[in-house]
Amino acid sequence: TGIDVDRLSKALNAWRGDLYRAKGFLSGNTGPVYLDWTPTTLSRFDLPDYDGGFAFVLIGPGEKSSTVKTIAARIDSGAFSSAPADQSPNSEG
């Protein structure tokens, strides 16, 4: 199951005070995606022919490192995975 990039983008916006930037290659629910987020800009590129690895980097100030680690753990745990068809789209993973 891929990451719901729209849900992740909304969450990144909610954490805008804790992050400088987030960027990388994700396995999105419709295929590979490159996402580059800052508090003021979001660039998203769907990459249907991409066959490389997936990695996503969160960049924030040192004093927010525990928050950045928590965000990373939520991503790793599947909190932003696409919901299966029988689940409510509003459910948190």
Protein backbone atom coordinates (compact mmCIF):
# COMPACT_ATOMS: atom_id res chain seq x y z
CA THR A 1 0.00 0.00 0.00
CA GLY A 2 1.40 3.37 -0.99
CA ILE A 3 1.49 6.61 0.92
CA ASP A 4 -1.45 8.97 0.59
CA VAL A 5 0.64 11.97 -0.51
CA ASP A 6 -2.25 14.42 -0.03
CA ARG A 7 -2.69 13.36 3.62
CA LEU A 8 1.06 13.58 4.18
CA SER A 9 1.18 17.06 2.62
CA LYS A 10 -1.62 18.28 4.91
CA ALA A 11 0.21 16.88 7.93
CA LEU A 12 3.46 18.56 6.88
CA ASN A 13 1.56 21.85 6.68
CA ALA A 14 0.33 21.29 10.24
CA TRP A 15 3.97 20.82 11.35
CA ARG A 16 5.23 23.87 9.46
CA GLY A 17 6.60 25.40 12.67
CA ASP A 18 8.77 22.34 13.28
CA LEU A 19 10.15 21.70 9.80
CA TYR A 20 12.27 23.63 7.33
CA ARG A 21 11.85 21.17 4.49
CA ALA A 22 10.75 17.65 3.57
CA LYS A 23 11.68 16.02 0.29
CA GLY A 24 12.23 12.75 -1.45
CA PHE A 25 10.85 9.85 -3.43
CA LEU A 26 7.74 8.15 -2.09
CA SER A 27 5.73 5.13 -3.12
CA GLY A 28 2.42 6.94 -3.57
CA ASN A 29 -0.99 5.32 -3.86
CA THR A 30 -0.95 5.90 -7.64
CA GLY A 31 2.75 5.14 -8.17
CA PRO A 32 6.13 6.76 -7.50
CA VAL A 33 6.09 10.45 -6.49
CA TYR A 34 8.78 13.05 -5.84
CA LEU A 35 7.64 15.47 -3.13
CA ASP A 36 9.47 18.65 -2.17
CA TRP A 37 7.80 20.58 0.67
CA THR A 38 8.70 23.81 2.48
CA PRO A 39 6.42 25.88 4.74
CA THR A 40 5.55 28.07 1.72
CA THR A 41 5.91 25.75 -1.28
CA LEU A 42 4.83 22.28 -2.35
CA SER A 43 6.14 20.60 -5.49
CA ARG A 44 4.84 17.18 -6.44
CA PHE A 45 5.88 15.18 -9.47
CA ASP A 46 4.28 11.85 -10.37
CA LEU A 47 6.97 9.60 -11.85
CA PRO A 48 5.29 6.63 -13.54
CA ASP A 49 8.55 5.40 -15.10
CA TYR A 50 10.68 5.73 -11.93
CA ASP A 51 12.21 2.45 -10.80
CA GLY A 52 14.74 3.65 -8.24
CA GLY A 53 14.67 3.53 -4.46
CA PHE A 54 12.41 5.40 -2.08
CA ALA A 55 13.65 7.77 0.61
CA PHE A 56 12.14 10.81 2.30
CA VAL A 57 14.11 13.38 4.28
CA LEU A 58 12.77 15.68 7.00
CA ILE A 59 14.84 18.78 7.80
CA GLY A 60 14.20 20.85 10.90
CA PRO A 61 15.96 22.89 13.57
CA GLY A 62 18.03 21.02 16.15
CA GLU A 63 15.76 22.02 19.01
CA LYS A 64 12.86 20.29 17.23
CA SER A 65 14.69 17.01 16.66
CA SER A 66 12.32 15.01 18.87
CA THR A 67 9.33 16.29 16.87
CA VAL A 68 11.08 15.53 13.58
CA LYS A 69 11.83 11.99 14.82
CA THR A 70 8.17 11.57 15.80
CA ILE A 71 7.04 12.66 12.33
CA ALA A 72 9.50 10.23 10.73
CA ALA A 73 8.24 7.42 12.96
CA ARG A 74 4.64 8.13 11.93
CA ILE A 75 5.59 7.96 8.26
CA ASP A 76 7.55 4.72 8.82
CA SER A 77 4.69 3.17 10.80
CA GLY A 78 2.28 3.56 7.88
CA ALA A 79 0.21 6.36 9.42
CA PHE A 80 -0.09 7.95 5.97
CA SER A 81 -0.67 4.77 3.99
CA SER A 82 -3.63 4.71 1.66
CA ALA A 83 -6.68 3.23 3.34
CA PRO A 84 -7.97 -0.06 1.93
CA ALA A 85 -11.27 0.26 0.06
CA ASP A 86 -13.30 -1.08 3.02
CA GLN A 87 -11.98 1.59 5.43
CA SER A 88 -13.25 5.10 5.89
CA PRO A 89 -11.05 7.63 4.04
CA ASN A 90 -10.93 9.68 7.26
CA SER A 91 -9.45 6.91 9.39
CA GLU A 92 -5.94 7.49 10.73
CA GLY A 93 -3.53 4.65 9.97
